[in-house]
C-alpha atoms as a PDB file:
ATOM      1  CA  MET A   1     -27.880  13.850 -10.660  1.00  0.00           C
ATOM      2  CA  ARG A   2     -24.241  14.314 -11.648  1.00  0.00           C
ATOM      3  CA  ASN A   3     -21.970  11.344 -11.113  1.00  0.00           C
ATOM      4  CA  ARG A   4     -18.258  11.475 -10.156  1.00  0.00           C
ATOM      5  CA  SER A   5     -18.403  15.244  -9.802  1.00  0.00           C
ATOM      6  CA  PHE A   6     -16.236  15.412  -6.684  1.00  0.00           C
ATOM      7  CA  LEU A   7     -13.390  13.018  -7.584  1.00  0.00           C
ATOM      8  CA  PRO A   8     -10.766  13.561 -10.301  1.00  0.00           C
ATOM      9  CA  THR A   9     -10.923  11.204 -13.280  1.00  0.00           C
ATOM     10  CA  THR A  10      -8.376  10.194 -15.878  1.00  0.00           C
ATOM     11  CA  ARG A  11      -8.121  12.180 -19.087  1.00  0.00           C
ATOM     12  CA  ARG A  12      -9.837  10.602 -22.066  1.00  0.00           C
ATOM     13  CA  ARG A  13      -7.556  10.143 -25.055  1.00  0.00           C
ATOM     14  CA  SER A  14      -8.582  10.076 -28.670  1.00  0.00           C
ATOM     15  CA  ARG A  15      -8.963   6.777 -30.478  1.00  0.00           C
ATOM     16  CA  LYS A  16      -5.967   7.479 -32.719  1.00  0.00           C
ATOM     17  CA  ASP A  17      -3.794   8.297 -29.721  1.00  0.00           C
ATOM     18  CA  ARG A  18      -4.868   5.119 -27.905  1.00  0.00           C
ATOM     19  CA  GLU A  19      -4.043   2.985 -30.945  1.00  0.00           C
ATOM     20  CA  ARG A  20      -0.635   4.624 -31.340  1.00  0.00           C
ATOM     21  CA  ARG A  21       0.194   4.108 -27.677  1.00  0.00           C
ATOM     22  CA  ALA A  22      -0.977   0.478 -27.800  1.00  0.00           C
ATOM     23  CA  VAL A  23       1.334  -0.281 -30.740  1.00  0.00           C
ATOM     24  CA  ALA A  24       4.319   1.384 -29.062  1.00  0.00           C
ATOM     25  CA  LEU A  25       3.591  -0.456 -25.810  1.00  0.00           C
ATOM     26  CA  ALA A  26       3.405  -3.830 -27.562  1.00  0.00           C
ATOM     27  CA  LEU A  27       6.773  -3.239 -29.244  1.00  0.00           C
ATOM     28  CA  SER A  28       8.387  -2.238 -25.949  1.00  0.00           C
ATOM     29  CA  LYS A  29       7.024  -5.329 -24.201  1.00  0.00           C
ATOM     30  CA  LYS A  30       8.266  -7.601 -26.972  1.00  0.00           C
ATOM     31  CA  ALA A  31      11.780  -6.152 -26.794  1.00  0.00           C
ATOM     32  CA  ASN A  32      11.874  -6.344 -22.993  1.00  0.00           C
ATOM     33  CA  ARG A  33      10.730  -9.979 -22.822  1.00  0.00           C
ATOM     34  CA  ASP A  34      13.870 -11.115 -24.641  1.00  0.00           C
ATOM     35  CA  LEU A  35      16.112  -9.886 -21.803  1.00  0.00           C
ATOM     36  CA  PRO A  36      16.962 -11.883 -18.643  1.00  0.00           C
ATOM     37  CA  CYS A  37      15.744 -10.970 -15.165  1.00  0.00           C
ATOM     38  CA  ALA A  38      17.819  -8.285 -13.431  1.00  0.00           C
ATOM     39  CA  VAL A  39      17.980 -10.228 -10.151  1.00  0.00           C
ATOM     40  CA  ALA A  40      21.332 -11.963  -9.711  1.00  0.00           C
ATOM     41  CA  GLY A  41      21.083 -15.723 -10.138  1.00  0.00           C
ATOM     42  CA  CYS A  42      17.716 -15.630 -11.937  1.00  0.00           C
ATOM     43  CA  ALA A  43      17.870 -16.795 -15.560  1.00  0.00           C
ATOM     44  CA  ARG A  44      14.198 -16.369 -16.421  1.00  0.00           C
ATOM     45  CA  LYS A  45      12.971 -13.890 -18.994  1.00  0.00           C
ATOM     46  CA  ARG A  46      11.533 -10.519 -18.030  1.00  0.00           C
ATOM     47  CA  HIS A  47       7.807 -10.003 -17.610  1.00  0.00           C
ATOM     48  CA  ASP A  48       5.911  -7.238 -19.364  1.00  0.00           C
ATOM     49  CA  LEU A  49       7.874  -3.959 -19.017  1.00  0.00           C
ATOM     50  CA  TYR A  50       9.486  -4.854 -15.694  1.00  0.00           C
ATOM     51  CA  PRO A  51      13.239  -5.492 -15.389  1.00  0.00           C
ATOM     52  CA  TYR A  52      12.344  -8.713 -13.535  1.00  0.00           C
ATOM     53  CA  CYS A  53      10.769 -12.076 -14.274  1.00  0.00           C
ATOM     54  CA  TYR A  54       7.130 -12.689 -13.420  1.00  0.00           C
ATOM     55  CA  THR A  55       7.830 -13.886  -9.861  1.00  0.00           C
ATOM     56  CA  HIS A  56      10.107 -10.987  -8.935  1.00  0.00           C
ATOM     57  CA  ALA A  57       7.938  -8.472 -10.821  1.00  0.00           C
ATOM     58  CA  GLN A  58       4.886  -9.637  -8.894  1.00  0.00           C
ATOM     59  CA  ARG A  59       6.662  -9.155  -5.585  1.00  0.00           C
ATOM     60  CA  TYR A  60       8.093  -5.800  -6.671  1.00  0.00           C
ATOM     61  CA  ARG A  61       4.669  -4.517  -7.656  1.00  0.00           C
ATOM     62  CA  ARG A  62       2.893  -5.786  -4.543  1.00  0.00           C
ATOM     63  CA  PHE A  63       5.479  -4.979  -1.869  1.00  0.00           C
ATOM     64  CA  GLY A  64       7.868  -2.447  -3.434  1.00  0.00           C
ATOM     65  CA  HIS A  65      10.954  -4.694  -3.580  1.00  0.00           C
ATOM     66  CA  PRO A  66      11.663  -7.851  -5.633  1.00  0.00           C
ATOM     67  CA  THR A  67      13.814  -9.782  -3.146  1.00  0.00           C
ATOM     68  CA  MET A  68      14.183  -8.047   0.237  1.00  0.00           C
ATOM     69  CA  LYS A  69      12.592  -9.361   3.420  1.00  0.00           C
ATOM     70  CA  LEU A  70       9.717  -7.123   4.479  1.00  0.00           C
ATOM     71  CA  PRO A  71       9.567  -5.447   7.914  1.00  0.00           C
ATOM     72  CA  ALA A  72       7.910  -7.540  10.590  1.00  0.00           C
ATOM     73  CA  PRO A  73       4.904  -6.064  12.423  1.00  0.00           C
ATOM     74  CA  ALA A  74       6.771  -6.352  15.730  1.00  0.00           C
ATOM     75  CA  GLU A  75       9.654  -4.302  14.331  1.00  0.00           C
ATOM     76  CA  LEU A  76       7.333  -1.557  13.135  1.00  0.00           C
ATOM     77  CA  ARG A  77       5.515  -1.432  16.469  1.00  0.00           C
ATOM     78  CA  ALA A  78       8.857  -1.108  18.247  1.00  0.00           C
ATOM     79  CA  VAL A  79       9.883   1.756  15.961  1.00  0.00           C
ATOM     80  CA  GLU A  80       6.529   3.453  16.546  1.00  0.00           C
ATOM     81  CA  GLU A  81       7.149   3.336  20.290  1.00  0.00           C
ATOM     82  CA  ALA A  82      10.608   4.793  19.671  1.00  0.00           C
ATOM     83  CA  VAL A  83       9.076   7.673  17.712  1.00  0.00           C
ATOM     84  CA  LYS A  84       6.612   8.358  20.530  1.00  0.00           C
ATOM     85  CA  ALA A  85       9.435   8.291  23.087  1.00  0.00           C
ATOM     86  CA  TRP A  86      11.448  10.710  20.941  1.00  0.00           C
ATOM     87  CA  LEU A  87       8.524  13.107  20.753  1.00  0.00           C
ATOM     88  CA  GLU A  88       7.767  12.996  24.481  1.00  0.00           C
ATOM     89  CA  GLN A  89      11.309  12.952  25.870  1.00  0.00           C
ATOM     90  CA  ASP A  90      13.420  14.882  23.378  1.00  0.00           C
ATOM     91  CA  LEU A  91      11.415  17.017  20.966  1.00  0.00           C
ATOM     92  CA  LEU A  92       8.399  18.255  22.928  1.00  0.00           C
ATOM     93  CA  THR A  93       9.875  19.364  26.224  1.00  0.00           C
ATOM     94  CA  THR A  94       7.941  22.599  26.785  1.00  0.00           C
ATOM     95  CA  ASN A  95       4.293  23.562  26.599  1.00  0.00           C
ATOM     96  CA  SER A  96       4.939  25.884  23.672  1.00  0.00           C
ATOM     97  CA  ASP A  97       6.619  23.049  21.746  1.00  0.00           C
ATOM     98  CA  ARG A  98       3.661  20.758  22.383  1.00  0.00           C
ATOM     99  CA  LYS A  99       1.161  23.397  21.331  1.00  0.00           C
ATOM    100  CA  ALA A 100       3.057  24.184  18.127  1.00  0.00           C
ATOM    101  CA  PHE A 101       3.376  20.479  17.325  1.00  0.00           C
ATOM    102  CA  ARG A 102      -0.337  19.834  17.847  1.00  0.00           C
ATOM    103  CA  LEU A 103      -1.193  22.680  15.483  1.00  0.00           C
ATOM    104  CA  ALA A 104       1.283  21.500  12.836  1.00  0.00           C
ATOM    105  CA  TRP A 105       0.157  17.874  13.167  1.00  0.00           C
ATOM    106  CA  ALA A 106      -3.484  18.899  12.804  1.00  0.00           C
ATOM    107  CA  GLU A 107      -2.612  20.849   9.657  1.00  0.00           C
ATOM    108  CA  GLY A 108      -0.922  17.754   8.261  1.00  0.00           C
ATOM    109  CA  GLN A 109      -3.971  15.618   9.034  1.00  0.00           C
ATOM    110  CA  ARG A 110      -6.192  18.029   7.130  1.00  0.00           C
ATOM    111  CA  LYS A 111      -4.238  17.145   3.995  1.00  0.00           C
ATOM    112  CA  VAL A 112      -5.600  13.581   4.118  1.00  0.00           C
ATOM    113  CA  HIS A 113      -8.939  14.296   5.827  1.00  0.00           C
ATOM    114  CA  HIS A 114     -11.697  14.141   3.225  1.00  0.00           C
ATOM    115  CA  HIS A 115     -15.462  14.375   3.331  1.00  0.00           C
ATOM    116  CA  PRO A 116     -17.408  11.241   4.353  1.00  0.00           C
ATOM    117  CA  SER A 117     -19.114  11.266   0.937  1.00  0.00           C
ATOM    118  CA  TYR A 118     -15.769  10.193  -0.559  1.00  0.00           C
ATOM    119  CA  ALA A 119     -16.252   6.741   1.011  1.00  0.00           C
ATOM    120  CA  LEU A 120     -17.705   5.182  -2.132  1.00  0.00           C
ATOM    121  CA  PRO A 121     -18.935   1.567  -2.118  1.00  0.00           C
ATOM    122  CA  PHE A 122     -16.775  -1.292  -3.346  1.00  0.00           C
ATOM    123  CA  TYR A 123     -18.368  -1.699  -6.770  1.00  0.00           C
ATOM    124  CA  ARG A 124     -17.490   1.901  -7.722  1.00  0.00           C
ATOM    125  CA  LEU A 125     -13.779   0.991  -7.827  1.00  0.00           C
ATOM    126  CA  GLU A 126     -14.159  -2.350  -9.597  1.00  0.00           C
ATOM    127  CA  GLY A 127     -13.042  -2.640 -13.194  1.00  0.00           C
ATOM    128  CA  VAL A 128     -12.242   0.506 -15.166  1.00  0.00           C
ATOM    129  CA  SER A 129     -13.815   3.123 -12.913  1.00  0.00           C
ATOM    130  CA  GLY A 130     -12.207   6.133 -14.578  1.00  0.00           C
ATOM    131  CA  TYR A 131     -10.916   7.557 -11.294  1.00  0.00           C
ATOM    132  CA  THR A 132      -7.286   8.526 -10.850  1.00  0.00           C
ATOM    133  CA  GLN A 133      -5.175   6.593  -8.349  1.00  0.00           C
ATOM    134  CA  GLN A 134      -5.146   9.632  -6.083  1.00  0.00           C
ATOM    135  CA  ALA A 135      -8.953   9.700  -6.116  1.00  0.00           C
ATOM    136  CA  LYS A 136      -9.062   6.002  -5.226  1.00  0.00           C
ATOM    137  CA  GLY A 137      -6.668   6.711  -2.374  1.00  0.00           C
ATOM    138  CA  TRP A 138      -9.068   9.348  -1.061  1.00  0.00           C
ATOM    139  CA  VAL A 139     -11.848   6.744  -1.117  1.00  0.00           C
ATOM    140  CA  ILE A 140      -9.801   4.272   0.943  1.00  0.00           C
ATOM    141  CA  LEU A 141      -8.690   6.971   3.395  1.00  0.00           C
ATOM    142  CA  SER A 142     -12.327   8.013   3.848  1.00  0.00           C
ATOM    143  CA  HIS A 143     -13.309   4.407   4.600  1.00  0.00           C
ATOM    144  CA  TYR A 144     -10.369   4.141   7.010  1.00  0.00           C
ATOM    145  CA  LEU A 145     -11.369   7.308   8.875  1.00  0.00           C
ATOM    146  CA  HIS A 146     -15.154   7.651   8.623  1.00  0.00           C
ATOM    147  CA  ARG A 147     -16.404   4.070   8.201  1.00  0.00           C
ATOM    148  CA  ARG A 148     -13.961   2.247  10.494  1.00  0.00           C
ATOM    149  CA  GLY A 149     -13.224   5.100  12.897  1.00  0.00           C
ATOM    150  CA  HIS A 150      -9.427   4.729  12.815  1.00  0.00           C
ATOM    151  CA  SER A 151      -7.111   7.638  13.523  1.00  0.00           C
ATOM    152  CA  LEU A 152      -5.103   9.297  10.774  1.00  0.00           C
ATOM    153  CA  SER A 153      -2.311   9.725  13.321  1.00  0.00           C
ATOM    154  CA  ASP A 154      -1.855   5.940  13.406  1.00  0.00           C
ATOM    155  CA  ALA A 155      -1.459   5.838   9.625  1.00  0.00           C
ATOM    156  CA  MET A 156       1.016   8.732   9.633  1.00  0.00           C
ATOM    157  CA  LEU A 157       2.950   7.131  12.488  1.00  0.00           C
ATOM    158  CA  ARG A 158       3.126   3.842  10.575  1.00  0.00           C
ATOM    159  CA  HIS A 159       4.515   5.703   7.548  1.00  0.00           C
ATOM    160  CA  MET A 160       7.195   7.267   9.769  1.00  0.00           C
ATOM    161  CA  ALA A 161       8.040   3.858  11.252  1.00  0.00           C
ATOM    162  CA  ILE A 162       8.464   2.253   7.831  1.00  0.00           C
ATOM    163  CA  ARG A 163      10.582   5.207   6.722  1.00  0.00           C
ATOM    164  CA  LEU A 164      12.884   4.754   9.719  1.00  0.00           C
ATOM    165  CA  TRP A 165      13.017   0.995   9.136  1.00  0.00           C
ATOM    166  CA  ALA A 166      14.037   1.644   5.534  1.00  0.00           C
ATOM    167  CA  GLU A 167      16.757   4.015   6.730  1.00  0.00           C
ATOM    168  CA  PHE A 168      18.617   1.122   8.329  1.00  0.00           C
ATOM    169  CA  LYS A 169      17.552  -2.050   6.498  1.00  0.00           C
ATOM    170  CA  TRP A 170      16.340  -1.083   3.025  1.00  0.00           C
ATOM    171  CA  THR A 171      18.564  -1.869   0.032  1.00  0.00           C
ATOM    172  CA  MET A 172      18.396  -0.608  -3.530  1.00  0.00           C
ATOM    173  CA  PRO A 173      16.666  -3.170  -5.816  1.00  0.00           C
ATOM    174  CA  GLU A 174      18.791  -4.784  -8.485  1.00  0.00           C
ATOM    175  CA  GLY A 175      18.214  -3.488 -11.993  1.00  0.00           C
ATOM    176  CA  SER A 176      16.143  -0.523 -10.822  1.00  0.00           C
ATOM    177  CA  ARG A 177      15.389   2.179 -13.375  1.00  0.00           C
ATOM    178  CA  LYS A 178      14.603   4.788 -10.735  1.00  0.00           C
ATOM    179  CA  ARG A 179      16.720   6.980  -8.511  1.00  0.00           C
ATOM    180  CA  PHE A 180      17.618   6.028  -4.959  1.00  0.00           C
ATOM    181  CA  THR A 181      15.175   8.395  -3.251  1.00  0.00           C
ATOM    182  CA  GLU A 182      12.343   7.595  -5.655  1.00  0.00           C
ATOM    183  CA  GLU A 183      12.781   3.851  -5.193  1.00  0.00           C
ATOM    184  CA  ARG A 184      12.927   4.172  -1.419  1.00  0.00           C
ATOM    185  CA  ASN A 185       9.801   6.338  -1.334  1.00  0.00           C
ATOM    186  CA  ARG A 186       8.042   3.735  -3.474  1.00  0.00           C
ATOM    187  CA  PHE A 187       8.822   1.019  -0.927  1.00  0.00           C
ATOM    188  CA  VAL A 188       7.765   3.144   2.064  1.00  0.00           C
ATOM    189  CA  ASP A 189       4.569   4.368   0.392  1.00  0.00           C
ATOM    190  CA  THR A 190       3.637   0.799  -0.534  1.00  0.00           C
ATOM    191  CA  GLY A 191       4.005  -0.442   3.035  1.00  0.00           C
ATOM    192  CA  ALA A 192       2.060   2.448   4.547  1.00  0.00           C
ATOM    193  CA  GLY A 193      -0.671   2.206   1.916  1.00  0.00           C
ATOM    194  CA  ARG A 194      -1.106  -1.516   2.532  1.00  0.00           C
ATOM    195  CA  PHE A 195      -1.540  -0.777   6.245  1.00  0.00           C
ATOM    196  CA  VAL A 196      -4.344   1.702   5.529  1.00  0.00           C
ATOM    197  CA  LEU A 197      -6.020  -0.568   2.975  1.00  0.00           C
ATOM    198  CA  ALA A 198      -5.962  -3.552   5.347  1.00  0.00           C
ATOM    199  CA  ASN A 199      -7.466  -1.548   8.220  1.00  0.00           C
ATOM    200  CA  SER A 200     -10.066   0.195   6.064  1.00  0.00           C
ATOM    201  CA  CYS A 201     -11.915  -3.136   5.585  1.00  0.00           C
ATOM    202  CA  PHE A 202     -12.752  -2.032   2.045  1.00  0.00           C
ATOM    203  CA  THR A 203     -14.561  -5.212   1.012  1.00  0.00           C
ATOM    204  CA  LYS A 204     -17.833  -6.473  -0.335  1.00  0.00           C
ATOM    205  CA  ALA A 205     -19.888  -9.476   0.744  1.00  0.00           C
ATOM    206  CA  THR A 206     -21.145 -11.935  -1.864  1.00  0.00           C
ATOM    207  CA  THR A 207     -23.574 -14.789  -1.262  1.00  0.00           C
ATOM    208  CA  GLU A 208     -23.780 -18.056  -3.135  1.00  0.00           C
ATOM    209  CA  GLU A 209     -25.552 -21.365  -2.772  1.00  0.00           C
ATOM    210  CA  LYS A 210     -23.288 -24.280  -1.860  1.00  0.00           C
ATOM    211  CA  VAL A 211     -24.357 -27.908  -2.231  1.00  0.00           C
ATOM    212  CA  ILE A 212     -23.742 -29.701   1.072  1.00  0.00           C
ATOM    213  CA  ALA A 213     -25.620 -32.979   0.431  1.00  0.00           C
ATOM    214  CA  TRP A 214     -27.938 -34.794  -1.960  1.00  0.00           C
ATOM    215  CA  GLU A 215     -31.421 -36.033  -1.105  1.00  0.00           C
ATOM    216  CA  ARG A 216     -32.878 -39.115  -2.744  1.00  0.00           C
ATOM    217  CA  PRO A 217     -36.655 -39.294  -3.366  1.00  0.00           C
ATOM    218  CA  TRP A 218     -38.505 -41.527  -0.893  1.00  0.00           C
ATOM    219  CA  TYR A 219     -40.503 -43.246  -3.596  1.00  0.00           C
ATOM    220  CA  VAL A 220     -39.848 -44.495  -7.119  1.00  0.00           C
ATOM    221  CA  SER A 221     -41.793 -42.592  -9.741  1.00  0.00           C
ATOM    222  CA  ASP A 222     -42.693 -43.571 -13.263  1.00  0.00           C
ATOM    223  CA  ASN A 223     -41.054 -40.326 -14.386  1.00  0.00           C
ATOM    224  CA  PRO A 224     -37.259 -40.850 -14.486  1.00  0.00           C
ATOM    225  CA  ASP A 225     -36.593 -37.156 -13.845  1.00  0.00           C
ATOM    226  CA  GLU A 226     -38.325 -37.353 -10.466  1.00  0.00           C
ATOM    227  CA  ASN A 227     -36.055 -40.226  -9.381  1.00  0.00           C
ATOM    228  CA  LEU A 228     -32.893 -38.086  -9.606  1.00  0.00           C
ATOM    229  CA  PRO A 229     -31.270 -36.959  -6.324  1.00  0.00           C
ATOM    230  CA  ARG A 230     -32.016 -33.385  -5.297  1.00  0.00           C
ATOM    231  CA  PRO A 231     -29.338 -31.039  -3.937  1.00  0.00           C
ATOM    232  CA  ILE A 232     -29.459 -29.680  -0.402  1.00  0.00           C
ATOM    233  CA  THR A 233     -27.882 -26.222  -0.367  1.00  0.00           C
ATOM    234  CA  GLU A 234     -26.938 -23.576   2.157  1.00  0.00           C
ATOM    235  CA  THR A 235     -26.143 -19.910   1.665  1.00  0.00           C
ATOM    236  CA  ILE A 236     -22.450 -19.054   1.965  1.00  0.00           C
ATOM    237  CA  THR A 237     -21.301 -15.453   2.475  1.00  0.00           C
ATOM    238  CA  LYS A 238     -17.860 -14.602   1.116  1.00  0.00           C
ATOM    239  CA  THR A 239     -15.832 -11.442   1.618  1.00  0.00           C
ATOM    240  CA  LYS A 240     -14.037 -10.078  -1.422  1.00  0.00           C
ATOM    241  CA  ARG A 241     -11.084  -7.699  -1.162  1.00  0.00           C
ATOM    242  CA  LEU A 242      -9.220  -5.676  -3.736  1.00  0.00           C
ATOM    243  CA  ASP A 243      -6.670  -7.732  -5.642  1.00  0.00           C
ATOM    244  CA  LEU A 244      -3.096  -7.078  -4.455  1.00  0.00           C
ATOM    245  CA  TRP A 245      -1.786  -6.863  -8.024  1.00  0.00           C
ATOM    246  CA  ARG A 246      -4.371  -4.371  -9.226  1.00  0.00           C
ATOM    247  CA  SER A 247      -4.348  -2.301  -6.034  1.00  0.00           C
ATOM    248  CA  ALA A 248      -0.559  -1.828  -6.022  1.00  0.00           C
ATOM    249  CA  SER A 249      -0.670   1.637  -7.577  1.00  0.00           C
ATOM    250  CA  LEU A 250      -3.589   2.499  -5.287  1.00  0.00           C
ATOM    251  CA  VAL A 251      -1.685   1.751  -2.076  1.00  0.00           C
ATOM    252  CA  ARG A 252       1.289   3.764  -3.337  1.00  0.00           C
ATOM    253  CA  ALA A 253      -1.042   6.706  -3.889  1.00  0.00           C
ATOM    254  CA  ILE A 254      -2.265   6.355  -0.297  1.00  0.00           C
ATOM    255  CA  GLY A 255       1.319   6.273   0.951  1.00  0.00           C
ATOM    256  CA  GLY A 256       2.117   9.357  -1.105  1.00  0.00           C
ATOM    257  CA  GLU A 257      -0.749  11.216   0.539  1.00  0.00           C
ATOM    258  CA  LEU A 258       0.537  10.244   3.998  1.00  0.00           C
ATOM    259  CA  ARG A 259       4.086  11.275   3.087  1.00  0.00           C
ATOM    260  CA  MET A 260       2.802  14.669   1.958  1.00  0.00           C
ATOM    261  CA  ALA A 261       0.886  15.085   5.237  1.00  0.00           C
ATOM    262  CA  ILE A 262       3.949  14.216   7.346  1.00  0.00           C
ATOM    263  CA  GLN A 263       6.138  16.585   5.365  1.00  0.00           C
ATOM    264  CA  HIS A 264       3.568  19.344   5.813  1.00  0.00           C
ATOM    265  CA  ALA A 265       3.411  18.715   9.569  1.00  0.00           C
ATOM    266  CA  MET A 266       7.072  18.069  10.411  1.00  0.00           C
ATOM    267  CA  GLY A 267       9.091  19.022   7.364  1.00  0.00           C
ATOM    268  CA  SER A 268      11.968  16.777   6.285  1.00  0.00           C
ATOM    269  CA  ASP A 269      14.532  17.515   9.016  1.00  0.00           C
ATOM    270  CA  TRP A 270      12.991  15.091  11.504  1.00  0.00           C
ATOM    271  CA  LEU A 271      14.891  12.255   9.831  1.00  0.00           C
ATOM    272  CA  SER A 272      18.211  13.932  10.668  1.00  0.00           C
ATOM    273  CA  ASP A 273      17.680  13.953  14.434  1.00  0.00           C
ATOM    274  CA  CYS A 274      20.370  11.743  15.977  1.00  0.00           C
ATOM    275  CA  ARG A 275      18.251  11.112  19.067  1.00  0.00           C
ATOM    276  CA  LEU A 276      15.447   9.655  16.958  1.00  0.00           C
ATOM    277  CA  LEU A 277      17.849   7.565  14.883  1.00  0.00           C
ATOM    278  CA  SER A 278      19.482   6.226  18.022  1.00  0.00           C
ATOM    279  CA  LYS A 279      16.146   5.188  19.530  1.00  0.00           C
ATOM    280  CA  ALA A 280      15.020   3.624  16.232  1.00  0.00           C
ATOM    281  CA  SER A 281      18.222   1.613  15.831  1.00  0.00           C
ATOM    282  CA  GLU A 282      17.929   0.415  19.417  1.00  0.00           C
ATOM    283  CA  ALA A 283      14.310  -0.610  18.794  1.00  0.00           C
ATOM    284  CA  LEU A 284      15.414  -2.613  15.755  1.00  0.00           C
ATOM    285  CA  GLY A 285      18.126  -4.365  17.764  1.00  0.00           C
ATOM    286  CA  LEU A 286      21.018  -2.940  15.755  1.00  0.00           C
ATOM    287  CA  PRO A 287      24.538  -2.667  17.229  1.00  0.00           C
ATOM    288  CA  GLN A 288      25.018   0.537  19.205  1.00  0.00           C
ATOM    289  CA  GLY A 289      28.809   0.750  18.966  1.00  0.00           C
ATOM    290  CA  GLU A 290      30.425   3.798  17.428  1.00  0.00           C
ATOM    291  CA  ASP A 291      31.902   1.900  14.474  1.00  0.00           C
ATOM    292  CA  THR A 292      29.096  -0.574  13.844  1.00  0.00           C
ATOM    293  CA  SER A 293      26.150   1.761  14.337  1.00  0.00           C
ATOM    294  CA  GLY A 294      23.890   2.407  11.390  1.00  0.00           C
ATOM    295  CA  LEU A 295      23.748   6.107  12.269  1.00  0.00           C
ATOM    296  CA  SER A 296      26.859   6.925  10.275  1.00  0.00           C
ATOM    297  CA  ARG A 297      25.238   5.515   7.144  1.00  0.00           C
ATOM    298  CA  HIS A 298      22.316   7.880   7.472  1.00  0.00           C
ATOM    299  CA  PHE A 299      24.255  11.041   6.693  1.00  0.00           C
ATOM    300  CA  GLN A 300      25.966   9.451   3.684  1.00  0.00           C
ATOM    301  CA  LYS A 301      22.675   8.772   1.902  1.00  0.00           C
ATOM    302  CA  GLU A 302      20.756  11.052  -0.373  1.00  0.00           C
ATOM    303  CA  HIS A 303      17.641  12.616   1.195  1.00  0.00           C
END
């Protein structure tokens, strides 16, 4: 029986190449650790290869931004309702429009719809599994769809909501080494991927014996070992999830798959619709005046 035949794996490098890369990586880390954190007001040294200290690097890796406040679930739900209202009231006004949209949306879903056999168990992704991050994303998406029965439309809609939220409230991280669009996509993909991972319930259950009390023997024996108290235990079941630090690149891969599906279904012009931007800004509680509206900022940004 062949193993891992249906998922892409990372390329195996030669031993000499791995040693050379390890030496170069160690030198780069040493040089970077002597520099201060890129966040204003933080005087701590940088962590690893990040332009931030350990605290800000941890937040940047887990959530896609080192300092910014993350979108609240209520805000994202409000934006999702705004997107639905835009589709029903403004975009899909005729039967032909609805039919064309359903076909295009179904084609986009097929980009992230994988076979149920991709839903590998938890232990297959623990440690160094050899799978690429994209392959791990397929595993989580398969759990989300086939094991939990969730809709891919909900995941794609959440990605669109986070993208619209970022259009009005996202700011460029300090000291970023990436371009504006790349950094913004990283933040949006991270948020959407975390939504899918949380709802996929990709966990494993472990059992252990926990001591809840000690029992003393009811008689005194001549053998000292028999006079020792005996533990009373019960079986505890714990649920283990993927670590947020290690799964950061995984959730970004999931978000990238959703972004590709949305682009395949709707293109990239949907973000330029003033009716959608107006509904989204109203859902976020932003000022609706002509001078203070966030709509004017939208067309000044790079897409």
